[in-house]
Amino acid sequence: MPTRESIIRLDELPAVACPCGTARRGFADRTDFPATVHLTEITHQARTHYHRLQTEVYVVLECEPDAAIELDGVSHPVDRLSAILIPPGVRHRGVGQMRVLIYCTPKFDPADEYFD
């Protein structure tokens, strides 16, 4: 059984392919924690997707000067330390290269990732 506290290095977790580029997902193994925290590298090939159950918060750590987040087809400029709340059902993708921290609740589930 895990202890109450955990300290992890997101940059040391294995990178997995995702619609945005690559993600390193923290706390996925914690049954006593209802969310996951992702360090995600968004690439120019990011795909529009949505979740039916999950809410995400993107916090931009680094990005290209013309980076944006597309929400339901509308592009919104972002820069370093922008925070974006993405409720379930909102189609979204990052536009341009960026590094983001994503808080996902409930815990990330690949079965809750949809494409049109």
N, C-alpha and C. Protein backbone atom coordinates (compact mmCIF):
# COMPACT_ATOMS: atom_id res chain seq x y z
N MET A 1 0.86 -1.19 0.00
CA MET A 1 0.00 0.00 0.00
C MET A 1 0.89 1.24 0.00
N PRO A 2 0.58 2.21 -0.88
CA PRO A 2 1.42 3.41 -0.94
C PRO A 2 1.29 4.24 0.32
N THR A 3 2.33 5.00 0.57
CA THR A 3 2.27 5.94 1.68
C THR A 3 1.40 7.11 1.28
N ARG A 4 1.08 7.96 2.23
CA ARG A 4 0.22 9.11 1.93
C ARG A 4 0.89 10.09 0.99
N GLU A 5 2.17 10.28 1.13
CA GLU A 5 2.86 11.26 0.30
C GLU A 5 3.72 10.56 -0.74
N SER A 6 3.96 11.27 -1.83
CA SER A 6 4.83 10.77 -2.89
C SER A 6 5.54 11.95 -3.52
N ILE A 7 6.79 11.73 -3.84
CA ILE A 7 7.56 12.71 -4.61
C ILE A 7 8.07 11.97 -5.83
N ILE A 8 7.74 12.51 -6.98
CA ILE A 8 8.19 11.89 -8.23
C ILE A 8 8.87 12.96 -9.08
N ARG A 9 9.66 12.51 -10.03
CA ARG A 9 10.26 13.39 -11.03
C ARG A 9 9.55 13.10 -12.34
N LEU A 10 8.68 14.00 -12.76
CA LEU A 10 7.93 13.77 -13.98
C LEU A 10 8.83 13.53 -15.18
N ASP A 11 9.96 14.25 -15.23
CA ASP A 11 10.86 14.10 -16.37
C ASP A 11 11.60 12.77 -16.39
N GLU A 12 11.50 11.99 -15.32
CA GLU A 12 12.14 10.67 -15.27
C GLU A 12 11.16 9.53 -15.54
N LEU A 13 9.87 9.84 -15.66
CA LEU A 13 8.89 8.81 -15.97
C LEU A 13 8.98 8.45 -17.45
N PRO A 14 8.57 7.23 -17.82
CA PRO A 14 8.62 6.86 -19.23
C PRO A 14 7.67 7.71 -20.06
N ALA A 15 8.14 8.13 -21.23
CA ALA A 15 7.30 8.90 -22.15
C ALA A 15 6.46 7.93 -22.98
N VAL A 16 5.19 8.25 -23.11
CA VAL A 16 4.29 7.44 -23.94
C VAL A 16 3.66 8.33 -25.01
N ALA A 17 3.41 7.75 -26.16
CA ALA A 17 2.77 8.50 -27.24
C ALA A 17 1.35 8.85 -26.84
N CYS A 18 0.94 10.05 -27.23
CA CYS A 18 -0.43 10.51 -27.00
C CYS A 18 -0.85 11.39 -28.17
N PRO A 19 -2.13 11.77 -28.28
CA PRO A 19 -2.56 12.60 -29.42
C PRO A 19 -1.84 13.94 -29.50
N CYS A 20 -1.27 14.40 -28.39
CA CYS A 20 -0.58 15.69 -28.36
C CYS A 20 0.88 15.56 -28.79
N GLY A 21 1.48 14.43 -28.54
CA GLY A 21 2.91 14.20 -28.78
C GLY A 21 3.39 13.09 -27.88
N THR A 22 3.98 13.47 -26.71
CA THR A 22 4.37 12.47 -25.71
C THR A 22 3.98 12.98 -24.32
N ALA A 23 3.64 12.03 -23.46
CA ALA A 23 3.24 12.37 -22.10
C ALA A 23 3.97 11.48 -21.10
N ARG A 24 4.26 12.06 -19.96
CA ARG A 24 4.81 11.33 -18.81
C ARG A 24 3.78 11.50 -17.71
N ARG A 25 3.14 10.41 -17.32
CA ARG A 25 1.96 10.47 -16.45
C ARG A 25 2.31 10.06 -15.02
N GLY A 26 2.16 11.03 -14.13
CA GLY A 26 2.47 10.79 -12.73
C GLY A 26 1.25 10.42 -11.91
N PHE A 27 1.46 9.60 -10.92
CA PHE A 27 0.48 9.15 -9.94
C PHE A 27 -0.58 8.22 -10.54
N ALA A 28 -0.33 7.69 -11.72
CA ALA A 28 -1.27 6.76 -12.35
C ALA A 28 -1.42 5.49 -11.52
N ASP A 29 -0.38 5.14 -10.78
CA ASP A 29 -0.41 3.90 -9.99
C ASP A 29 -1.01 4.09 -8.60
N ARG A 30 -1.34 5.30 -8.23
CA ARG A 30 -1.86 5.58 -6.88
C ARG A 30 -3.38 5.38 -6.84
N THR A 31 -3.81 4.31 -6.21
CA THR A 31 -5.24 4.03 -6.10
C THR A 31 -5.92 4.98 -5.11
N ASP A 32 -5.14 5.62 -4.26
CA ASP A 32 -5.71 6.53 -3.26
C ASP A 32 -5.71 7.99 -3.70
N PHE A 33 -5.37 8.25 -4.97
CA PHE A 33 -5.35 9.61 -5.51
C PHE A 33 -6.23 9.65 -6.75
N PRO A 34 -7.19 10.58 -6.83
CA PRO A 34 -8.20 10.53 -7.90
C PRO A 34 -7.82 11.19 -9.22
N ALA A 35 -6.55 11.56 -9.40
CA ALA A 35 -6.16 12.29 -10.60
C ALA A 35 -4.80 11.81 -11.07
N THR A 36 -4.39 12.33 -12.23
CA THR A 36 -3.03 12.14 -12.72
C THR A 36 -2.46 13.50 -13.10
N VAL A 37 -1.14 13.58 -13.08
CA VAL A 37 -0.43 14.80 -13.47
C VAL A 37 0.51 14.40 -14.59
N HIS A 38 0.43 15.11 -15.71
CA HIS A 38 1.19 14.75 -16.90
C HIS A 38 2.15 15.87 -17.27
N LEU A 39 3.36 15.50 -17.61
CA LEU A 39 4.29 16.41 -18.27
C LEU A 39 4.22 16.03 -19.74
N THR A 40 3.70 16.93 -20.56
CA THR A 40 3.40 16.62 -21.95
C THR A 40 4.15 17.54 -22.89
N GLU A 41 4.77 16.93 -23.89
CA GLU A 41 5.43 17.67 -24.97
C GLU A 41 4.46 17.69 -26.14
N ILE A 42 3.92 18.84 -26.45
CA ILE A 42 2.99 18.98 -27.56
C ILE A 42 3.80 19.30 -28.82
N THR A 43 3.49 18.58 -29.90
CA THR A 43 4.19 18.76 -31.16
C THR A 43 3.27 19.41 -32.19
N HIS A 44 3.83 19.75 -33.33
CA HIS A 44 3.05 20.34 -34.42
C HIS A 44 2.03 19.36 -34.98
N GLN A 45 2.17 18.08 -34.70
CA GLN A 45 1.25 17.07 -35.21
C GLN A 45 0.12 16.75 -34.22
N ALA A 46 -0.06 17.54 -33.18
CA ALA A 46 -1.10 17.27 -32.18
C ALA A 46 -2.46 17.11 -32.85
N ARG A 47 -3.22 16.12 -32.39
CA ARG A 47 -4.54 15.81 -32.95
C ARG A 47 -5.66 16.31 -32.05
N THR A 48 -6.70 16.81 -32.67
CA THR A 48 -7.88 17.21 -31.91
C THR A 48 -8.52 15.97 -31.30
N HIS A 49 -8.86 16.07 -30.02
CA HIS A 49 -9.50 14.97 -29.32
C HIS A 49 -10.37 15.54 -28.19
N TYR A 50 -11.10 14.66 -27.53
CA TYR A 50 -11.90 15.08 -26.39
C TYR A 50 -12.08 13.91 -25.44
N HIS A 51 -12.58 14.23 -24.27
CA HIS A 51 -12.84 13.22 -23.24
C HIS A 51 -14.30 13.38 -22.80
N ARG A 52 -14.96 12.29 -22.53
CA ARG A 52 -16.35 12.35 -22.08
C ARG A 52 -16.45 12.50 -20.57
N LEU A 53 -15.45 12.03 -19.85
CA LEU A 53 -15.50 12.05 -18.39
C LEU A 53 -14.45 12.95 -17.74
N GLN A 54 -13.32 13.07 -18.37
CA GLN A 54 -12.18 13.74 -17.73
C GLN A 54 -12.19 15.25 -17.94
N THR A 55 -11.83 15.95 -16.88
CA THR A 55 -11.56 17.38 -16.93
C THR A 55 -10.06 17.54 -16.88
N GLU A 56 -9.53 18.45 -17.71
CA GLU A 56 -8.09 18.68 -17.72
C GLU A 56 -7.81 20.16 -17.49
N VAL A 57 -6.70 20.41 -16.83
CA VAL A 57 -6.15 21.76 -16.73
C VAL A 57 -4.77 21.71 -17.33
N TYR A 58 -4.54 22.50 -18.37
CA TYR A 58 -3.22 22.63 -18.99
C TYR A 58 -2.55 23.86 -18.41
N VAL A 59 -1.31 23.71 -17.98
CA VAL A 59 -0.50 24.85 -17.57
C VAL A 59 0.72 24.88 -18.50
N VAL A 60 0.84 25.95 -19.26
CA VAL A 60 1.92 26.06 -20.24
C VAL A 60 3.22 26.40 -19.51
N LEU A 61 4.22 25.54 -19.64
CA LEU A 61 5.52 25.78 -19.03
C LEU A 61 6.46 26.49 -20.00
N GLU A 62 6.42 26.07 -21.27
CA GLU A 62 7.25 26.65 -22.33
C GLU A 62 6.45 26.52 -23.62
N CYS A 63 6.66 27.50 -24.53
CA CYS A 63 5.97 27.39 -25.82
C CYS A 63 6.61 28.29 -26.86
N GLU A 64 6.32 27.99 -28.10
CA GLU A 64 6.74 28.84 -29.20
C GLU A 64 5.99 30.18 -29.10
N PRO A 65 6.53 31.23 -29.70
CA PRO A 65 5.89 32.54 -29.61
C PRO A 65 4.45 32.58 -30.14
N ASP A 66 4.14 31.77 -31.15
CA ASP A 66 2.80 31.80 -31.74
C ASP A 66 1.93 30.62 -31.29
N ALA A 67 2.21 30.03 -30.14
CA ALA A 67 1.46 28.87 -29.66
C ALA A 67 0.03 29.25 -29.32
N ALA A 68 -0.85 28.25 -29.43
CA ALA A 68 -2.26 28.47 -29.12
C ALA A 68 -2.87 27.17 -28.63
N ILE A 69 -4.04 27.29 -28.03
CA ILE A 69 -4.83 26.12 -27.70
C ILE A 69 -6.13 26.26 -28.47
N GLU A 70 -6.50 25.21 -29.14
CA GLU A 70 -7.74 25.21 -29.91
C GLU A 70 -8.81 24.51 -29.08
N LEU A 71 -9.90 25.21 -28.81
CA LEU A 71 -11.01 24.68 -28.02
C LEU A 71 -12.28 24.75 -28.86
N ASP A 72 -12.85 23.59 -29.16
CA ASP A 72 -14.04 23.52 -30.02
C ASP A 72 -13.87 24.35 -31.29
N GLY A 73 -12.68 24.26 -31.91
CA GLY A 73 -12.42 24.91 -33.18
C GLY A 73 -11.99 26.36 -33.11
N VAL A 74 -11.97 26.95 -31.92
CA VAL A 74 -11.57 28.34 -31.76
C VAL A 74 -10.16 28.39 -31.18
N SER A 75 -9.28 29.12 -31.84
CA SER A 75 -7.89 29.22 -31.43
C SER A 75 -7.71 30.35 -30.42
N HIS A 76 -7.02 30.04 -29.31
CA HIS A 76 -6.75 31.01 -28.25
C HIS A 76 -5.24 31.07 -28.04
N PRO A 77 -4.63 32.25 -28.22
CA PRO A 77 -3.19 32.37 -27.99
C PRO A 77 -2.84 32.04 -26.54
N VAL A 78 -1.70 31.40 -26.36
CA VAL A 78 -1.20 31.09 -25.02
C VAL A 78 0.26 31.49 -24.93
N ASP A 79 0.71 31.69 -23.73
CA ASP A 79 2.13 31.91 -23.50
C ASP A 79 2.49 31.26 -22.17
N ARG A 80 3.73 31.41 -21.79
CA ARG A 80 4.23 30.78 -20.58
C ARG A 80 3.35 31.12 -19.39
N LEU A 81 2.98 30.10 -18.63
CA LEU A 81 2.15 30.14 -17.43
C LEU A 81 0.68 30.43 -17.69
N SER A 82 0.24 30.30 -18.94
CA SER A 82 -1.20 30.30 -19.21
C SER A 82 -1.78 29.02 -18.63
N ALA A 83 -2.98 29.10 -18.06
CA ALA A 83 -3.68 27.92 -17.55
C ALA A 83 -5.02 27.82 -18.27
N ILE A 84 -5.34 26.63 -18.74
CA ILE A 84 -6.53 26.42 -19.54
C ILE A 84 -7.35 25.29 -18.91
N LEU A 85 -8.60 25.58 -18.55
CA LEU A 85 -9.51 24.57 -18.01
C LEU A 85 -10.29 23.97 -19.18
N ILE A 86 -10.23 22.64 -19.32
CA ILE A 86 -10.89 21.96 -20.43
C ILE A 86 -11.89 20.95 -19.86
N PRO A 87 -13.18 21.31 -19.84
CA PRO A 87 -14.20 20.40 -19.32
C PRO A 87 -14.44 19.21 -20.25
N PRO A 88 -15.11 18.17 -19.77
CA PRO A 88 -15.45 17.04 -20.62
C PRO A 88 -16.25 17.51 -21.84
N GLY A 89 -16.00 16.87 -22.98
CA GLY A 89 -16.75 17.16 -24.20
C GLY A 89 -16.15 18.25 -25.07
N VAL A 90 -15.19 19.02 -24.56
CA VAL A 90 -14.58 20.09 -25.34
C VAL A 90 -13.48 19.50 -26.21
N ARG A 91 -13.63 19.66 -27.52
CA ARG A 91 -12.60 19.20 -28.44
C ARG A 91 -11.42 20.15 -28.33
N HIS A 92 -10.22 19.59 -28.23
CA HIS A 92 -9.06 20.43 -27.98
C HIS A 92 -7.78 19.86 -28.58
N ARG A 93 -6.85 20.79 -28.80
CA ARG A 93 -5.50 20.41 -29.22
C ARG A 93 -4.60 21.62 -29.04
N GLY A 94 -3.33 21.35 -28.79
CA GLY A 94 -2.34 22.39 -28.75
C GLY A 94 -1.87 22.68 -30.16
N VAL A 95 -1.62 23.95 -30.45
CA VAL A 95 -1.14 24.37 -31.76
C VAL A 95 0.25 24.96 -31.57
N GLY A 96 1.24 24.34 -32.18
CA GLY A 96 2.62 24.76 -31.99
C GLY A 96 3.28 23.91 -30.92
N GLN A 97 4.59 23.97 -30.89
CA GLN A 97 5.31 23.19 -29.89
C GLN A 97 5.20 23.86 -28.54
N MET A 98 4.95 23.04 -27.52
CA MET A 98 4.90 23.55 -26.16
C MET A 98 5.11 22.40 -25.19
N ARG A 99 5.48 22.78 -24.00
CA ARG A 99 5.63 21.84 -22.88
C ARG A 99 4.61 22.27 -21.85
N VAL A 100 3.72 21.33 -21.47
CA VAL A 100 2.65 21.67 -20.55
C VAL A 100 2.59 20.67 -19.40
N LEU A 101 2.07 21.15 -18.30
CA LEU A 101 1.74 20.30 -17.16
C LEU A 101 0.23 20.15 -17.21
N ILE A 102 -0.26 18.92 -17.18
CA ILE A 102 -1.69 18.66 -17.26
C ILE A 102 -2.14 17.96 -15.99
N TYR A 103 -3.17 18.53 -15.36
CA TYR A 103 -3.83 17.90 -14.22
C TYR A 103 -5.12 17.30 -14.77
N CYS A 104 -5.30 16.00 -14.60
CA CYS A 104 -6.43 15.28 -15.19
C CYS A 104 -7.23 14.59 -14.10
N THR A 105 -8.52 14.92 -14.03
CA THR A 105 -9.41 14.28 -13.06
C THR A 105 -10.74 13.94 -13.73
N PRO A 106 -11.32 12.77 -13.50
CA PRO A 106 -10.68 11.68 -12.77
C PRO A 106 -9.41 11.21 -13.47
N LYS A 107 -8.75 10.29 -12.84
CA LYS A 107 -7.48 9.75 -13.32
C LYS A 107 -7.54 9.45 -14.82
N PHE A 108 -6.47 9.76 -15.55
CA PHE A 108 -6.42 9.53 -17.00
C PHE A 108 -6.78 8.08 -17.33
N ASP A 109 -7.62 7.92 -18.34
CA ASP A 109 -8.02 6.60 -18.83
C ASP A 109 -8.00 6.67 -20.36
N PRO A 110 -7.13 5.89 -21.01
CA PRO A 110 -7.07 5.95 -22.48
C PRO A 110 -8.39 5.59 -23.16
N ALA A 111 -9.26 4.89 -22.46
CA ALA A 111 -10.57 4.56 -23.04
C ALA A 111 -11.48 5.79 -23.11
N ASP A 112 -11.10 6.89 -22.43
CA ASP A 112 -11.88 8.13 -22.47
C ASP A 112 -11.22 9.17 -23.38
N GLU A 113 -10.66 8.71 -24.47
CA GLU A 113 -10.03 9.59 -25.45
C GLU A 113 -10.71 9.34 -26.79
N TYR A 114 -11.33 10.38 -27.34
CA TYR A 114 -12.15 10.24 -28.53
C TYR A 114 -11.71 11.20 -29.63
N PHE A 115 -11.94 10.78 -30.88
CA PHE A 115 -11.60 11.56 -32.06
C PHE A 115 -12.82 11.61 -32.95
N ASP A 116 -13.03 12.72 -33.63
CA ASP A 116 -14.16 12.83 -34.56
C ASP A 116 -13.81 12.21 -35.90
